Amino acid sequence: MEIIDNITTIIIAFVTVVFSAGAWKFYETKIKVKAESEKSEKTDQNMYRDDLRDRVKNLEGLLNAGSKEKDEMRQQILSLTQEVSELRTKVAFLEKENERLKNV
């Protein structure tokens, strides 16, 4: 009977060792897969973040260029308005001079 108990103990110990090594390997693999998945997800998030940063820089550049162009156009409009005003004055003066010369 003692021999059977010893054999049973040995078999239980052997099964425990085999399954615990297998369980350890299983959990180790599971943890590695999870870590790689998280790393991949983090890489994707970083790529998305970098893409957004590039887009923001591009839009800021376009906004600055548009602002400069708007200021230049505003300056041109002011200059043209002044020139039109001067030409109106000259035309009015020339019309008066023309009328005066017709009446002489």
C-alpha atoms as a PDB file:
ATOM      1  CA  MET A   1       0.000   0.000   0.000  1.00  0.00           C
ATOM      2  CA  GLU A   2       2.867   2.280   0.760  1.00  0.00           C
ATOM      3  CA  ILE A   3       4.279   1.683  -2.690  1.00  0.00           C
ATOM      4  CA  ILE A   4       0.975   2.729  -4.276  1.00  0.00           C
ATOM      5  CA  ASP A   5       0.905   5.860  -2.119  1.00  0.00           C
ATOM      6  CA  ASN A   6       4.466   6.655  -3.168  1.00  0.00           C
ATOM      7  CA  ILE A   7       3.638   6.068  -6.832  1.00  0.00           C
ATOM      8  CA  THR A   8       0.515   8.234  -6.510  1.00  0.00           C
ATOM      9  CA  THR A   9       2.569  10.977  -4.889  1.00  0.00           C
ATOM     10  CA  ILE A  10       5.192  10.728  -7.625  1.00  0.00           C
ATOM     11  CA  ILE A  11       2.548  10.827 -10.373  1.00  0.00           C
ATOM     12  CA  ILE A  12       0.805  13.824  -8.770  1.00  0.00           C
ATOM     13  CA  ALA A  13       4.145  15.628  -8.399  1.00  0.00           C
ATOM     14  CA  PHE A  14       5.042  14.841 -12.017  1.00  0.00           C
ATOM     15  CA  VAL A  15       1.661  16.032 -13.336  1.00  0.00           C
ATOM     16  CA  THR A  16       1.940  19.200 -11.238  1.00  0.00           C
ATOM     17  CA  VAL A  17       5.433  19.948 -12.582  1.00  0.00           C
ATOM     18  CA  VAL A  18       4.387  19.317 -16.185  1.00  0.00           C
ATOM     19  CA  PHE A  19       1.244  21.408 -15.975  1.00  0.00           C
ATOM     20  CA  SER A  20       2.850  24.198 -13.968  1.00  0.00           C
ATOM     21  CA  ALA A  21       5.619  24.519 -16.574  1.00  0.00           C
ATOM     22  CA  GLY A  22       2.971  24.536 -19.314  1.00  0.00           C
ATOM     23  CA  ALA A  23       0.877  27.062 -17.403  1.00  0.00           C
ATOM     24  CA  TRP A  24       3.932  29.259 -16.869  1.00  0.00           C
ATOM     25  CA  LYS A  25       4.734  29.100 -20.575  1.00  0.00           C
ATOM     26  CA  PHE A  26       1.097  29.909 -21.438  1.00  0.00           C
ATOM     27  CA  TYR A  27       0.961  32.953 -19.163  1.00  0.00           C
ATOM     28  CA  GLU A  28       4.371  34.113 -20.317  1.00  0.00           C
ATOM     29  CA  THR A  29       3.233  33.967 -23.961  1.00  0.00           C
ATOM     30  CA  LYS A  30      -0.031  35.693 -23.087  1.00  0.00           C
ATOM     31  CA  ILE A  31       1.816  38.556 -21.377  1.00  0.00           C
ATOM     32  CA  LYS A  32       4.212  38.931 -24.333  1.00  0.00           C
ATOM     33  CA  VAL A  33       1.321  39.086 -26.816  1.00  0.00           C
ATOM     34  CA  LYS A  34      -0.464  41.673 -24.679  1.00  0.00           C
ATOM     35  CA  ALA A  35       2.698  43.799 -24.399  1.00  0.00           C
ATOM     36  CA  GLU A  36       3.262  43.670 -28.164  1.00  0.00           C
ATOM     37  CA  SER A  37      -0.370  44.607 -28.767  1.00  0.00           C
ATOM     38  CA  GLU A  38      -0.098  47.602 -26.436  1.00  0.00           C
ATOM     39  CA  LYS A  39       3.183  48.629 -28.079  1.00  0.00           C
ATOM     40  CA  SER A  40       1.575  48.424 -31.526  1.00  0.00           C
ATOM     41  CA  GLU A  41      -1.409  50.450 -30.340  1.00  0.00           C
ATOM     42  CA  LYS A  42       0.875  53.061 -28.805  1.00  0.00           C
ATOM     43  CA  THR A  43       2.865  53.260 -32.048  1.00  0.00           C
ATOM     44  CA  ASP A  44      -0.361  53.821 -33.990  1.00  0.00           C
ATOM     45  CA  GLN A  45      -1.380  56.566 -31.552  1.00  0.00           C
ATOM     46  CA  ASN A  46       2.028  58.226 -31.916  1.00  0.00           C
ATOM     47  CA  MET A  47       1.772  58.125 -35.704  1.00  0.00           C
ATOM     48  CA  TYR A  48      -1.716  59.658 -35.529  1.00  0.00           C
ATOM     49  CA  ARG A  49      -0.449  62.355 -33.136  1.00  0.00           C
ATOM     50  CA  ASP A  50       2.515  63.157 -35.377  1.00  0.00           C
ATOM     51  CA  ASP A  51       0.218  63.362 -38.401  1.00  0.00           C
ATOM     52  CA  LEU A  52      -2.036  65.799 -36.537  1.00  0.00           C
ATOM     53  CA  ARG A  53       0.965  67.916 -35.558  1.00  0.00           C
ATOM     54  CA  ASP A  54       2.088  68.081 -39.183  1.00  0.00           C
ATOM     55  CA  ARG A  55      -1.404  69.091 -40.278  1.00  0.00           C
ATOM     56  CA  VAL A  56      -1.578  71.815 -37.633  1.00  0.00           C
ATOM     57  CA  LYS A  57       1.796  73.210 -38.732  1.00  0.00           C
ATOM     58  CA  ASN A  58       0.642  73.192 -42.358  1.00  0.00           C
ATOM     59  CA  LEU A  59      -2.627  74.957 -41.491  1.00  0.00           C
ATOM     60  CA  GLU A  60      -0.798  77.542 -39.381  1.00  0.00           C
ATOM     61  CA  GLY A  61       1.505  78.267 -42.322  1.00  0.00           C
ATOM     62  CA  LEU A  62      -1.459  78.659 -44.661  1.00  0.00           C
ATOM     63  CA  LEU A  63      -3.187  80.926 -42.154  1.00  0.00           C
ATOM     64  CA  ASN A  64      -0.104  83.139 -41.837  1.00  0.00           C
ATOM     65  CA  ALA A  65       0.281  83.314 -45.617  1.00  0.00           C
ATOM     66  CA  GLY A  66      -3.403  84.225 -45.991  1.00  0.00           C
ATOM     67  CA  SER A  67      -3.063  86.919 -43.347  1.00  0.00           C
ATOM     68  CA  LYS A  68      -0.058  88.456 -45.092  1.00  0.00           C
ATOM     69  CA  GLU A  69      -1.853  88.350 -48.427  1.00  0.00           C
ATOM     70  CA  LYS A  70      -4.918  89.991 -46.881  1.00  0.00           C
ATOM     71  CA  ASP A  71      -2.771  92.795 -45.440  1.00  0.00           C
ATOM     72  CA  GLU A  72      -1.121  93.351 -48.830  1.00  0.00           C
ATOM     73  CA  MET A  73      -4.513  93.470 -50.556  1.00  0.00           C
ATOM     74  CA  ARG A  74      -5.825  95.924 -47.965  1.00  0.00           C
ATOM     75  CA  GLN A  75      -2.808  98.156 -48.597  1.00  0.00           C
ATOM     76  CA  GLN A  76      -3.377  97.970 -52.365  1.00  0.00           C
ATOM     77  CA  ILE A  77      -7.047  98.888 -51.921  1.00  0.00           C
ATOM     78  CA  LEU A  78      -6.114 101.902 -49.826  1.00  0.00           C
ATOM     79  CA  SER A  79      -3.572 102.979 -52.418  1.00  0.00           C
ATOM     80  CA  LEU A  80      -6.045 102.554 -55.285  1.00  0.00           C
ATOM     81  CA  THR A  81      -8.750 104.419 -53.355  1.00  0.00           C
ATOM     82  CA  GLN A  82      -6.370 107.323 -52.854  1.00  0.00           C
ATOM     83  CA  GLU A  83      -5.419 107.293 -56.527  1.00  0.00           C
ATOM     84  CA  VAL A  84      -9.084 107.251 -57.619  1.00  0.00           C
ATOM     85  CA  SER A  85      -9.788 110.184 -55.314  1.00  0.00           C
ATOM     86  CA  GLU A  86      -6.889 112.145 -56.833  1.00  0.00           C
ATOM     87  CA  LEU A  87      -8.072 111.329 -60.361  1.00  0.00           C
ATOM     88  CA  ARG A  88     -11.617 112.480 -59.550  1.00  0.00           C
ATOM     89  CA  THR A  89     -10.213 115.759 -58.328  1.00  0.00           C
ATOM     90  CA  LYS A  90      -8.169 116.148 -61.514  1.00  0.00           C
ATOM     91  CA  VAL A  91     -11.165 115.277 -63.699  1.00  0.00           C
ATOM     92  CA  ALA A  92     -13.323 117.830 -61.882  1.00  0.00           C
ATOM     93  CA  PHE A  93     -10.619 120.465 -62.306  1.00  0.00           C
ATOM     94  CA  LEU A  94     -10.166 119.615 -65.992  1.00  0.00           C
ATOM     95  CA  GLU A  95     -13.934 119.745 -66.595  1.00  0.00           C
ATOM     96  CA  LYS A  96     -14.093 123.197 -65.013  1.00  0.00           C
ATOM     97  CA  GLU A  97     -11.088 124.324 -67.057  1.00  0.00           C
ATOM     98  CA  ASN A  98     -12.691 122.913 -70.214  1.00  0.00           C
ATOM     99  CA  GLU A  99     -15.940 124.788 -69.530  1.00  0.00           C
ATOM    100  CA  ARG A 100     -14.019 127.998 -68.845  1.00  0.00           C
ATOM    101  CA  LEU A 101     -12.106 127.655 -72.125  1.00  0.00           C
ATOM    102  CA  LYS A 102     -15.332 127.015 -74.072  1.00  0.00           C
ATOM    103  CA  ASN A 103     -16.871 130.181 -72.685  1.00  0.00           C
ATOM    104  CA  VAL A 104     -13.920 132.394 -73.522  1.00  0.00           C
END
